[in-house]
Protein backbone atom coordinates (compact mmCIF):
# COMPACT_ATOMS: atom_id res chain seq x y z
CA MET A 1 -92.92 -151.01 44.48
CA LYS A 2 -91.69 -147.88 46.28
CA TYR A 3 -92.91 -145.80 43.32
CA LYS A 4 -96.36 -147.40 43.49
CA THR A 5 -96.56 -146.85 47.24
CA SER A 6 -95.61 -143.20 46.79
CA LEU A 7 -98.37 -142.73 44.22
CA ILE A 8 -100.93 -144.25 46.59
CA GLY A 9 -99.79 -141.93 49.37
CA LEU A 10 -99.94 -138.93 47.06
CA ALA A 11 -103.45 -139.86 45.91
CA ALA A 12 -104.61 -140.14 49.53
CA LEU A 13 -103.09 -136.75 50.33
CA LEU A 14 -104.74 -135.09 47.33
CA SER A 15 -108.07 -136.69 48.22
CA ALA A 16 -107.83 -135.34 51.76
CA CYS A 17 -107.28 -131.83 50.39
CA THR A 18 -110.17 -131.95 47.91
CA SER A 19 -112.85 -129.34 48.49
CA ASN A 20 -116.26 -130.50 49.61
CA HIS A 21 -119.36 -130.09 47.46
CA VAL A 22 -122.09 -128.38 49.50
CA GLN A 23 -125.69 -127.86 48.47
CA GLN A 24 -128.34 -126.12 50.57
CA ILE A 25 -131.83 -127.56 50.08
CA THR A 26 -134.92 -125.72 51.29
CA GLY A 27 -138.59 -125.88 50.50
CA ASP A 28 -140.60 -123.08 48.92
CA THR A 29 -140.83 -121.38 52.32
CA PRO A 30 -138.06 -121.58 54.97
CA VAL A 31 -139.20 -123.49 58.03
CA ALA A 32 -136.29 -123.46 60.50
CA LYS A 33 -136.26 -120.44 62.79
CA LEU A 34 -133.01 -118.48 62.50
CA LEU A 35 -133.09 -116.03 65.40
CA SER A 36 -131.69 -112.50 65.48
CA ASP A 37 -128.44 -113.66 67.08
CA GLY A 38 -127.74 -116.05 64.19
CA ARG A 39 -128.80 -119.16 66.10
CA TYR A 40 -131.58 -121.61 65.34
CA GLY A 41 -134.53 -122.29 67.61
CA ASN A 42 -137.06 -125.05 68.16
CA LEU A 43 -140.46 -124.72 66.52
CA TYR A 44 -142.19 -124.94 69.91
CA PRO A 45 -139.98 -123.42 72.62
CA GLY A 46 -141.05 -122.84 76.19
CA LYS A 47 -142.32 -124.87 79.11
CA LYS A 48 -143.90 -128.20 78.23
CA THR A 49 -146.91 -130.05 79.58
CA TYR A 50 -146.43 -133.79 79.31
CA PRO A 51 -149.43 -136.13 78.92
CA VAL A 52 -148.12 -138.67 81.43
CA THR A 53 -145.19 -139.07 83.81
CA CYS A 54 -144.11 -142.19 85.68
CA GLU A 55 -144.03 -141.29 89.37
CA GLU A 56 -143.23 -144.53 91.17
CA ASP A 57 -142.04 -148.08 90.53
CA CYS A 58 -140.72 -146.96 87.14
CA TYR A 59 -137.97 -149.55 86.77
CA PRO A 60 -139.32 -152.96 87.78
CA ALA A 61 -137.39 -156.02 86.72
CA HIS A 62 -138.81 -157.74 83.66
CA GLN A 63 -138.72 -161.47 82.99
CA GLN A 64 -137.68 -160.90 79.37
CA VAL A 65 -134.76 -158.59 80.23
CA LEU A 66 -131.91 -160.65 81.67
CA CYS A 67 -129.29 -158.55 83.48
CA GLU A 68 -125.94 -159.22 85.11
CA THR A 69 -126.86 -156.73 87.85
CA PRO A 70 -130.17 -154.86 88.31
CA GLY A 71 -130.81 -152.81 85.16
CA GLN A 72 -127.22 -153.12 84.00
CA ASP A 73 -125.52 -155.16 81.25
CA CYS A 74 -128.72 -156.77 80.03
CA ARG A 75 -130.15 -158.64 77.07
CA TYR A 76 -133.74 -158.63 75.88
CA THR A 77 -134.94 -162.22 75.35
CA GLY A 78 -138.58 -161.65 74.43
CA PRO A 79 -140.26 -162.07 71.05
CA GLN A 80 -139.27 -159.77 68.20
CA THR A 81 -142.45 -159.61 66.18
CA VAL A 82 -142.42 -157.66 62.91
CA THR A 83 -145.82 -156.14 62.11
CA THR A 84 -144.90 -154.25 58.93
CA ASP A 85 -144.17 -155.18 55.32
CA THR A 86 -142.07 -152.38 53.89
CA GLY A 87 -139.02 -153.95 52.28
CA PHE A 88 -136.60 -152.09 54.56
CA THR A 89 -133.87 -154.03 56.39
CA LEU A 90 -132.41 -152.50 59.54
CA ARG A 91 -129.54 -153.24 61.89
CA TRP A 92 -129.03 -151.43 65.19
CA LEU A 93 -125.34 -150.64 65.69
CA GLY A 94 -125.74 -149.18 69.20
CA HIS A 95 -126.83 -145.88 70.79
CA ALA A 96 -128.33 -143.84 67.90
CA SER A 97 -126.54 -145.60 65.03
CA PHE A 98 -128.42 -147.68 62.46
CA VAL A 99 -127.65 -149.13 59.04
CA VAL A 100 -130.69 -149.41 56.77
CA GLN A 101 -131.08 -151.14 53.42
CA THR A 102 -133.86 -149.60 51.35
CA PRO A 103 -136.14 -151.68 49.12
CA ASP A 104 -134.29 -150.35 46.05
CA GLY A 105 -130.96 -151.61 47.38
CA GLN A 106 -129.45 -148.44 48.85
CA GLN A 107 -127.56 -148.45 52.15
CA ILE A 108 -128.24 -145.56 54.51
CA LEU A 109 -126.55 -144.85 57.84
CA PHE A 110 -128.17 -142.90 60.67
CA ASP A 111 -125.85 -141.08 63.12
CA PRO A 112 -122.94 -143.51 62.69
CA VAL A 113 -120.52 -143.42 65.64
CA SER A 114 -118.29 -146.45 65.94
CA ASP A 115 -116.66 -146.02 69.32
CA GLY A 116 -116.29 -143.26 71.91
CA PHE A 117 -116.16 -139.50 71.56
CA ASP A 118 -114.35 -137.80 68.69
CA TRP A 119 -111.28 -135.56 69.03
CA PRO A 120 -110.65 -133.31 70.91
CA VAL A 121 -112.76 -134.55 73.83
CA ASP A 122 -111.87 -138.23 73.45
CA TRP A 123 -108.73 -137.81 75.56
CA ALA A 124 -110.80 -136.62 78.53
CA ALA A 125 -113.53 -139.28 78.33
CA ASP A 126 -111.74 -141.78 80.56
CA TRP A 127 -111.85 -139.27 83.41
CA PHE A 128 -115.66 -139.40 83.53
CA ALA A 129 -117.58 -142.65 83.98
CA ASP A 130 -120.63 -141.39 82.07
CA ALA A 131 -118.49 -140.43 79.08
CA ARG A 132 -117.06 -143.90 78.49
CA ARG A 133 -118.66 -146.24 76.01
CA GLU A 134 -118.18 -149.82 74.88
CA SER A 135 -117.72 -150.09 71.13
CA GLY A 136 -120.83 -150.59 69.05
CA PHE A 137 -121.41 -153.10 66.27
CA TRP A 138 -119.60 -151.24 63.50
CA PRO A 139 -119.92 -152.57 59.91
CA GLU A 140 -116.94 -154.21 58.23
CA ALA A 141 -115.02 -152.03 55.80
CA GLU A 142 -116.52 -153.80 52.77
CA GLN A 143 -120.07 -153.13 53.90
CA LEU A 144 -119.19 -149.58 54.92
CA SER A 145 -117.91 -148.86 51.41
CA GLN A 146 -121.36 -149.65 50.00
CA THR A 147 -122.99 -146.73 51.84
CA ARG A 148 -125.07 -144.51 49.58
CA ALA A 149 -126.16 -141.89 52.14
CA VAL A 150 -125.29 -140.83 55.69
CA LEU A 151 -127.87 -138.90 57.71
CA TYR A 152 -126.81 -136.95 60.82
CA SER A 153 -129.41 -135.61 63.23
CA HIS A 154 -127.03 -133.12 64.87
CA LEU A 155 -123.43 -132.40 65.79
CA HIS A 156 -123.15 -133.60 69.39
CA TYR A 157 -120.19 -135.92 69.85
CA ASP A 158 -122.28 -139.03 70.46
CA HIS A 159 -124.02 -138.55 67.09
CA PHE A 160 -121.38 -137.04 64.77
CA ASN A 161 -117.85 -138.40 64.56
CA LYS A 162 -115.34 -136.99 62.06
CA ALA A 163 -113.08 -140.05 62.24
CA ASP A 164 -116.00 -142.20 61.13
CA ILE A 165 -116.75 -139.82 58.26
CA GLU A 166 -113.20 -140.39 57.05
CA ALA A 167 -113.71 -144.16 57.33
CA ILE A 168 -116.98 -144.04 55.38
CA GLY A 169 -115.37 -141.92 52.66
CA ASN A 170 -116.56 -139.52 50.00
CA GLN A 171 -118.48 -141.92 47.77
CA ALA A 172 -121.56 -141.53 49.97
CA GLU A 173 -123.71 -138.41 50.15
CA TYR A 174 -124.02 -136.73 53.55
CA PHE A 175 -127.26 -135.18 54.80
CA VAL A 176 -127.14 -132.66 57.64
CA GLY A 177 -128.98 -129.64 58.97
CA LEU A 178 -128.38 -126.11 57.74
CA GLY A 179 -125.01 -124.69 58.82
CA SER A 180 -123.41 -128.11 59.44
CA ALA A 181 -121.13 -128.46 56.41
CA GLU A 182 -118.37 -126.34 57.94
CA TYR A 183 -117.80 -129.03 60.57
CA PHE A 184 -116.56 -131.49 57.93
CA ASP A 185 -112.90 -131.72 57.03
CA GLN A 186 -112.11 -131.05 53.38
CA GLY A 187 -112.13 -134.44 51.70
CA GLY A 188 -114.26 -134.17 48.59
CA TYR A 189 -117.46 -134.94 50.49
CA THR A 190 -120.88 -134.31 48.93
CA ILE A 191 -122.90 -132.58 51.65
CA ASN A 192 -126.58 -131.70 51.53
CA GLU A 193 -127.52 -129.05 54.11
CA MET A 194 -131.28 -129.28 54.56
CA ASP A 195 -133.99 -127.14 56.06
CA TRP A 196 -136.85 -128.85 57.86
CA TYR A 197 -139.33 -130.38 55.39
CA ALA A 198 -136.79 -130.18 52.55
CA SER A 199 -136.39 -133.33 50.45
CA LYS A 200 -134.01 -135.00 48.04
CA THR A 201 -134.50 -138.16 45.99
CA LEU A 202 -131.87 -140.87 45.66
CA GLY A 203 -132.92 -143.57 43.21
CA GLU A 204 -136.45 -144.58 44.16
CA THR A 205 -136.03 -143.37 47.76
CA THR A 206 -136.80 -139.86 49.01
CA ILE A 207 -135.03 -138.43 52.05
CA HIS A 208 -137.02 -135.85 54.01
CA SER A 209 -135.55 -133.64 56.72
CA VAL A 210 -138.13 -133.04 59.45
CA PRO A 211 -138.07 -131.14 62.77
CA ALA A 212 -136.74 -132.37 66.09
CA HIS A 213 -137.00 -130.63 69.47
CA HIS A 214 -133.40 -130.49 70.62
CA PHE A 215 -130.31 -128.25 70.46
CA ASN A 216 -126.90 -128.29 68.85
CA GLY A 217 -123.27 -127.43 69.45
CA ARG A 218 -119.78 -128.83 69.40
CA ILE A 219 -117.36 -126.13 70.58
CA TRP A 220 -117.25 -124.43 73.98
CA VAL A 221 -114.43 -122.21 75.20
CA PRO A 222 -115.41 -120.77 78.61
CA PHE A 223 -116.20 -117.03 78.48
CA LEU A 224 -114.88 -116.78 74.91
CA TYR A 225 -116.88 -118.78 72.37
CA ASP A 226 -119.61 -121.34 71.83
CA ASP A 227 -121.37 -122.56 68.70
CA ASN A 228 -124.62 -123.54 70.38
CA GLU A 229 -127.52 -123.65 67.90
CA LYS A 230 -125.46 -122.17 65.03
CA ALA A 231 -126.28 -125.27 62.98
CA LEU A 232 -129.69 -126.90 62.63
CA TRP A 233 -130.70 -130.24 64.19
CA SER A 234 -133.11 -132.59 62.44
CA ALA A 235 -135.05 -135.82 62.38
CA TRP A 236 -135.25 -137.83 59.16
CA LEU A 237 -137.95 -139.66 57.25
CA ILE A 238 -137.08 -141.90 54.33
CA GLU A 239 -139.80 -142.92 51.91
CA HIS A 240 -139.96 -145.61 49.23
CA GLN A 241 -143.14 -146.13 47.20
CA GLY A 242 -145.32 -144.89 50.03
CA LYS A 243 -143.56 -146.90 52.77
CA THR A 244 -141.93 -144.74 55.44
CA LEU A 245 -139.19 -145.07 58.05
CA PHE A 246 -138.75 -142.29 60.63
CA PHE A 247 -135.63 -141.58 62.69
CA ALA A 248 -136.44 -139.08 65.44
CA GLY A 249 -132.86 -138.12 66.33
CA ASP A 250 -132.42 -136.72 69.81
CA THR A 251 -135.66 -134.94 70.64
CA GLY A 252 -137.96 -133.89 73.40
CA TYR A 253 -141.73 -134.27 73.26
CA SER A 254 -143.44 -131.33 71.55
CA PRO A 255 -146.17 -130.55 68.97
CA HIS A 256 -143.66 -130.96 66.14
CA LEU A 257 -144.55 -134.66 66.23
CA SER A 258 -148.18 -133.97 65.36
CA ASP A 259 -146.97 -131.64 62.59
CA ILE A 260 -144.96 -134.47 61.04
CA HIS A 261 -147.97 -136.79 61.16
CA GLN A 262 -150.14 -134.13 59.55
CA ARG A 263 -147.73 -133.95 56.60
CA PHE A 264 -146.91 -137.63 56.12
CA GLY A 265 -149.79 -139.56 57.69
CA ASP A 266 -149.23 -142.78 59.63
CA ILE A 267 -145.59 -143.91 59.60
CA ASP A 268 -144.65 -147.54 59.07
CA ILE A 269 -141.46 -147.75 61.16
CA CYS A 270 -140.49 -145.29 63.90
CA LEU A 271 -137.03 -145.24 65.49
CA ILE A 272 -137.60 -143.25 68.69
CA PRO A 273 -135.16 -142.57 71.58
CA VAL A 274 -136.14 -143.57 75.11
CA ALA A 275 -133.03 -142.48 77.02
CA SER A 276 -130.97 -139.57 78.37
CA TYR A 277 -133.82 -137.94 80.29
CA HIS A 278 -132.65 -138.59 83.87
CA HIS A 279 -130.66 -136.14 86.00
CA GLU A 280 -130.86 -135.59 89.74
CA GLU A 281 -130.52 -131.79 89.58
CA ASN A 282 -131.47 -130.88 86.01
CA GLY A 283 -134.09 -133.46 85.15
CA ALA A 284 -136.50 -130.88 83.69
CA TRP A 285 -133.89 -129.72 81.17
CA TYR A 286 -132.90 -133.27 80.22
CA ARG A 287 -136.54 -134.14 79.57
CA TYR A 288 -137.07 -130.92 77.62
CA VAL A 289 -134.63 -132.14 74.95
CA HIS A 290 -135.00 -135.94 75.30
CA THR A 291 -138.01 -138.23 75.49
CA THR A 292 -138.75 -140.35 78.51
CA PRO A 293 -140.02 -143.84 77.63
CA GLU A 294 -143.59 -142.69 78.24
CA ASP A 295 -143.02 -139.60 76.09
CA ALA A 296 -141.75 -141.91 73.34
CA LEU A 297 -144.89 -144.06 73.55
CA ILE A 298 -147.13 -141.00 73.29
CA ALA A 299 -145.01 -139.73 70.40
CA ALA A 300 -145.45 -143.06 68.60
CA GLU A 301 -149.21 -142.77 68.97
CA GLU A 302 -149.21 -139.21 67.63
CA LEU A 303 -147.05 -140.22 64.68
CA GLY A 304 -149.33 -143.13 63.88
CA CYS A 305 -146.43 -145.58 64.10
CA LYS A 306 -147.22 -149.05 62.81
CA SER A 307 -144.07 -150.31 64.51
CA MET A 308 -141.86 -148.58 67.09
CA ILE A 309 -138.20 -149.48 67.61
CA PRO A 310 -136.74 -147.82 70.75
CA TRP A 311 -133.08 -146.86 71.00
CA GLY A 312 -130.59 -145.07 73.24
CA TYR A 313 -130.28 -147.69 75.97
CA GLY A 314 -127.87 -150.63 75.84
CA ASN A 315 -124.51 -152.11 76.65
CA ALA A 316 -122.84 -150.10 73.86
CA SER A 317 -124.32 -146.76 74.84
CA TRP A 318 -123.18 -143.92 77.05
CA GLY A 319 -124.34 -143.56 80.64
CA MET A 320 -125.28 -139.91 80.21
CA GLY A 321 -128.69 -139.08 81.60
CA ASP A 322 -129.70 -142.58 82.69
CA ILE A 323 -129.75 -144.66 85.86
CA SER A 324 -128.23 -147.74 84.24
CA SER A 325 -127.64 -149.27 80.83
CA HIS A 326 -131.14 -150.74 80.51
CA SER A 327 -133.21 -148.64 82.90
CA PRO A 328 -134.89 -146.88 79.94
CA LEU A 329 -135.97 -150.23 78.47
CA LEU A 330 -137.33 -151.43 81.82
CA ARG A 331 -139.29 -148.18 82.19
CA LEU A 332 -140.56 -148.48 78.61
CA LEU A 333 -141.90 -151.99 79.20
CA ALA A 334 -143.50 -150.95 82.50
CA MET A 335 -145.19 -147.87 81.00
CA TYR A 336 -146.28 -149.79 77.92
CA ASP A 337 -148.43 -151.94 80.18
CA LYS A 338 -149.59 -149.06 82.40
CA LEU A 339 -150.67 -147.01 79.40
CA ASP A 340 -152.17 -150.04 77.64
CA SER A 341 -150.33 -148.83 74.55
CA GLN A 342 -151.48 -150.29 71.24
CA VAL A 343 -148.35 -149.30 69.32
CA PRO A 344 -146.51 -152.48 68.25
CA LEU A 345 -143.07 -152.56 69.90
CA LEU A 346 -140.07 -154.18 68.23
CA ILE A 347 -137.29 -154.36 70.81
CA LEU A 348 -133.76 -155.02 69.62
CA ASN A 349 -130.44 -155.79 71.22
CA GLU A 350 -127.44 -154.01 69.77
CA GLY A 351 -126.28 -155.79 66.65
CA ASP A 352 -129.70 -157.26 65.83
CA GLU A 353 -130.84 -157.10 62.21
CA VAL A 354 -134.48 -157.30 61.12
CA TYR A 355 -136.31 -157.38 57.81
CA LEU A 356 -139.21 -154.96 58.02
C-alpha cells in the first residue's frame, strides 16, 4: 500500500513538471494591434460617444427582483422564456463563469473562477470589502473532469484562476489570447493562443476568438514592473452547424461589436456583461472598459442577438464597480422598458441551467 501511494505521488509530481503544449493560431492577416512598446491595444481606442445614458431613476425596485435589502442579496422571480432552438445547454456559475454543453456533447467552460481571488492577492482580499466574494456554483469534480475546452477572456484575477486550472486538469484544451500561455504553470496543458478572428474546430464545434474592448494585466510592482496589455484579451464565439453562442468577456461599448456582426451575422445567444461600470471618481474609465446595462442592450441590438443573457451582477459576484449586488440588473430592467428594447432577455440567477 505504501508503495502504491508513493507511485501515485510520483506520478502527480511528474505531471506537475510536464511541459505545456502551446500553439499560436492566427488568421491569414494578423488582427490584434501589437504596439511599438510590445503591448496590445484595442481596435477602437479613444474617447467614446454612447448612444444612450441613464441619467435619473436608474435603479427602481422591480416586482420580479426580490431583495433582502434594496438592490442587495436578491433573486429574480420572473419568467425565464427561451426564444432560441440551438441545442446548447448553459449553466451560469456566477460572475463571468459559465459551463456550456454543445449540441455535439462537448463541455466548454467560460472564465471559470470557483471562489475568490487567486494567489498572491487572495491573502489581501479580506481587507477590502469590494474584493470579497461568496463562492459561485462550481461543478462537482466528476463533471469538471468532462471538460473539453476552457476559454479565458483575459487574465484579470476575477476571470483567470490558476488554482482552478489545476483542478480542471490537462485533459481539456485551453483557449486564451496571444501572449497568455506564460501565465500557466507547467502541467502538461494544451494551450491555444489565439489572435482575434482566429478559429479552431473541436469535433463539430468551431471556437472563434473575436475582439473585446478591454485591457489586461496581472502583475504590478510599483515603479518597477507591470504587465499591462502584454497579453491579448478576447471575446469568444462558438458555432455548431450554423448556431452561435457569443461570450463578450469584459468589454466596453465600441464599434468592434458591429464588426463581429458583419462577420458572423445575427447571433443566437449572447452572454453580455452589465456590471462593473460604476465609480464615483473614475466612472468614465470604468465605462470605457465595461458596458453599462444600456450599453449592453445597444450591443445586443448591434450583434443581432436572438436572446441576451446578462451577467456580472449577483450574490456570488464581486462588488467592484457597482452600487450593490443587483443594481446592474435593476438598471437593465428599467432601461429595457425605457428603450423599448426588442431583444429577448433571458435573466438567470446564479446556478440556473437552461436548454437553449
